[in-house]
Amino acid sequence: MTKNKWTAIAAIFAIGLSGAAQAVPTTWTDTVDFTPDRLVTVFTPAVYTHTVEGFNTTTDTVSSYALSFDLYDDRDRELEAALFSQPGNLLDTVFFNLSGSEAGGWSLAGRWQLDATGSLTVAISSLLGDFYLGSSTLTVRGDRNTVPEPGTLGLLGAALVGFGILRRKRQAI
């Protein structure tokens, strides 16, 4: 092959590489700390939103997420029960042992809400008695997709135009 053909092949290959987005596995974490601890009763549920800092809804994607809560019983009743709700699962999990860290599941609607808005709204309510909510932690796993900057693509385009001009000058000689 001639030098011009190799140059054209290299330019086409560079265009292909520069236009491709690259996915990097990433974990985002958001913690909501209720200071002072929030009292949850039958009539006063705790509804709050986790906002994932650094998550870009236009390029990043969610593959899974997990929630954990610090629930503390105030020991004023024999039996107390907490209900965890999230988008798509209004009756997700019931906790009876309110002695510290509990884990919540995930839902497709919750994953969609995270992908679309970068946030997740959840609720902890009391089925029996009252208790305290100390904190809540959301851990999101997904891919951070890197997209080339417009300046990089512009520089590549200018180089290709330069190769084209150089080729025309050589053909004219």
Protein backbone atom coordinates (compact mmCIF):
# COMPACT_ATOMS: atom_id res chain seq x y z
CA MET A 1 0.00 0.00 0.00
CA THR A 2 1.08 3.53 -0.59
CA LYS A 3 1.76 6.07 2.12
CA ASN A 4 -1.48 7.95 1.33
CA LYS A 5 -3.59 4.82 1.83
CA TRP A 6 -1.89 4.13 5.17
CA THR A 7 -2.58 7.73 6.20
CA ALA A 8 -6.25 7.37 5.25
CA ILE A 9 -6.56 4.09 7.17
CA ALA A 10 -4.91 5.64 10.25
CA ALA A 11 -7.25 8.65 10.07
CA ILE A 12 -10.36 6.43 9.81
CA PHE A 13 -9.13 4.32 12.75
CA ALA A 14 -8.52 7.48 14.84
CA ILE A 15 -12.04 8.72 14.08
CA GLY A 16 -13.46 5.40 15.24
CA LEU A 17 -11.52 5.52 18.49
CA SER A 18 -12.30 9.14 19.26
CA GLY A 19 -16.04 8.75 18.74
CA ALA A 20 -16.41 5.74 21.04
CA ALA A 21 -17.65 6.19 24.59
CA GLN A 22 -15.84 4.19 27.23
CA ALA A 23 -17.66 2.69 30.21
CA VAL A 24 -15.79 2.57 33.51
CA PRO A 25 -17.32 0.57 36.41
CA THR A 26 -18.06 3.04 39.20
CA THR A 27 -19.64 3.06 42.67
CA TRP A 28 -21.43 6.13 44.02
CA THR A 29 -22.44 6.47 47.69
CA ASP A 30 -24.83 8.89 49.37
CA THR A 31 -25.52 9.03 53.11
CA VAL A 32 -28.36 10.91 54.77
CA ASP A 33 -27.54 11.47 58.44
CA PHE A 34 -30.51 12.43 60.59
CA THR A 35 -29.05 14.60 63.36
CA PRO A 36 -30.72 14.37 65.78
CA ASP A 37 -32.07 10.90 65.04
CA ARG A 38 -35.55 11.08 63.54
CA LEU A 39 -38.48 9.67 65.52
CA VAL A 40 -40.73 7.52 63.32
CA THR A 41 -44.26 6.74 64.51
CA VAL A 42 -47.38 5.30 62.90
CA PHE A 43 -48.49 8.83 62.00
CA THR A 44 -45.09 10.36 61.14
CA PRO A 45 -43.17 8.34 58.53
CA ALA A 46 -39.72 9.39 57.38
CA VAL A 47 -39.82 10.20 53.66
CA TYR A 48 -36.53 11.44 52.22
CA THR A 49 -34.48 11.51 49.02
CA HIS A 50 -30.96 10.27 48.34
CA THR A 51 -29.22 12.44 45.74
CA VAL A 52 -26.20 10.79 44.13
CA GLU A 53 -23.42 13.39 43.80
CA GLY A 54 -21.29 13.04 40.68
CA PHE A 55 -23.86 10.93 38.81
CA ASN A 56 -24.53 12.29 35.30
CA THR A 57 -28.00 11.26 34.09
CA THR A 58 -27.11 11.81 30.42
CA THR A 59 -24.04 9.55 30.29
CA ASP A 60 -23.88 7.34 33.42
CA THR A 61 -25.94 4.17 33.92
CA VAL A 62 -27.10 2.24 36.99
CA SER A 63 -26.70 -1.53 37.14
CA SER A 64 -27.75 -2.06 40.78
CA TYR A 65 -28.14 -0.31 44.11
CA ALA A 66 -28.41 -1.17 47.79
CA LEU A 67 -29.83 0.67 50.79
CA SER A 68 -28.94 0.35 54.46
CA PHE A 69 -30.61 2.02 57.44
CA ASP A 70 -29.71 2.53 61.07
CA LEU A 71 -32.95 1.88 62.99
CA TYR A 72 -33.00 2.05 66.80
CA ASP A 73 -35.77 0.87 69.06
CA ASP A 74 -36.57 3.14 71.99
CA ARG A 75 -37.69 0.05 74.00
CA ASP A 76 -41.04 1.49 75.06
CA ARG A 77 -43.06 -1.45 73.67
CA GLU A 78 -42.71 -5.19 73.45
CA LEU A 79 -43.21 -5.38 69.67
CA GLU A 80 -42.32 -2.72 67.13
CA ALA A 81 -42.13 -3.04 63.34
CA ALA A 82 -40.75 -0.80 60.59
CA LEU A 83 -41.83 -0.81 56.94
CA PHE A 84 -39.44 0.19 54.13
CA SER A 85 -40.99 1.50 50.89
CA GLN A 86 -39.41 2.62 47.61
CA PRO A 87 -40.56 3.32 44.04
CA GLY A 88 -42.22 0.23 42.61
CA ASN A 89 -42.34 -1.52 46.01
CA LEU A 90 -44.64 0.17 48.49
CA LEU A 91 -44.43 -2.82 50.85
CA ASP A 92 -40.80 -3.76 50.26
CA THR A 93 -39.47 -5.01 53.60
CA VAL A 94 -40.73 -5.24 57.18
CA PHE A 95 -38.14 -5.07 59.98
CA PHE A 96 -38.90 -6.41 63.47
CA ASN A 97 -35.42 -6.35 65.03
CA LEU A 98 -34.68 -2.63 65.27
CA SER A 99 -31.22 -2.88 66.75
CA GLY A 100 -28.96 -1.15 64.25
CA SER A 101 -28.18 -1.64 60.60
CA GLU A 102 -30.87 -3.07 58.32
CA ALA A 103 -30.69 -3.59 54.55
CA GLY A 104 -33.32 -2.81 51.95
CA GLY A 105 -33.76 -4.34 48.53
CA TRP A 106 -33.98 -2.71 45.13
CA SER A 107 -36.68 -2.36 42.48
CA LEU A 108 -36.79 -1.75 38.74
CA ALA A 109 -38.74 1.47 39.33
CA GLY A 110 -36.06 2.61 41.79
CA ARG A 111 -33.34 1.82 39.26
CA TRP A 112 -35.26 3.79 36.63
CA GLN A 113 -35.64 6.76 39.01
CA LEU A 114 -31.88 6.74 39.68
CA ASP A 115 -31.06 6.53 35.96
CA ALA A 116 -33.50 9.33 35.06
CA THR A 117 -32.96 11.78 37.94
CA GLY A 118 -29.84 10.73 39.88
CA SER A 119 -31.92 10.48 43.05
CA LEU A 120 -34.03 7.93 44.93
CA THR A 121 -36.97 8.70 47.21
CA VAL A 122 -37.63 6.19 50.00
CA ALA A 123 -39.87 5.98 53.05
CA ILE A 124 -39.56 4.33 56.45
CA SER A 125 -42.79 4.07 58.40
CA SER A 126 -43.96 2.36 61.56
CA LEU A 127 -46.41 -0.53 61.50
CA LEU A 128 -46.28 -0.94 65.28
CA GLY A 129 -44.82 1.35 67.93
CA ASP A 130 -42.17 3.97 67.38
CA PHE A 131 -38.42 3.95 66.78
CA TYR A 132 -35.56 6.17 65.63
CA LEU A 133 -33.96 6.46 62.19
CA GLY A 134 -30.31 7.44 62.57
CA SER A 135 -29.02 7.38 59.00
CA SER A 136 -29.53 5.89 55.56
CA THR A 137 -26.86 4.96 53.02
CA LEU A 138 -27.42 4.39 49.30
CA THR A 139 -24.73 2.56 47.32
CA VAL A 140 -25.15 2.69 43.54
CA ARG A 141 -23.13 0.51 41.17
CA GLY A 142 -22.98 1.31 37.48
CA ASP A 143 -20.92 2.59 34.62
CA ARG A 144 -19.45 6.04 34.13
CA ASN A 145 -19.44 6.59 30.39
CA THR A 146 -16.74 8.91 29.15
CA VAL A 147 -17.50 10.82 25.97
CA PRO A 148 -14.77 12.62 24.04
CA GLU A 149 -14.72 16.39 24.35
CA PRO A 150 -15.75 18.49 21.32
CA GLY A 151 -12.30 20.10 21.27
CA THR A 152 -10.66 16.72 20.79
CA LEU A 153 -12.95 15.90 17.89
CA GLY A 154 -12.31 19.35 16.38
CA LEU A 155 -8.55 18.84 16.59
CA LEU A 156 -8.91 15.46 14.88
CA GLY A 157 -11.04 17.04 12.14
CA ALA A 158 -8.43 19.76 11.57
CA ALA A 159 -5.71 17.09 11.26
CA LEU A 160 -7.77 15.25 8.65
CA VAL A 161 -8.28 18.46 6.66
CA GLY A 162 -4.52 19.03 6.83
CA PHE A 163 -3.87 15.51 5.53
CA GLY A 164 -6.28 16.18 2.67
CA ILE A 165 -4.56 19.46 1.71
CA LEU A 166 -1.14 17.81 1.92
CA ARG A 167 -2.34 14.99 -0.34
CA ARG A 168 -3.67 17.44 -2.96
CA LYS A 169 -0.39 19.38 -2.98
CA ARG A 170 1.59 16.17 -3.51
CA GLN A 171 -0.70 15.07 -6.35
CA ALA A 172 -0.30 18.49 -8.05
CA ILE A 173 3.50 18.18 -8.10
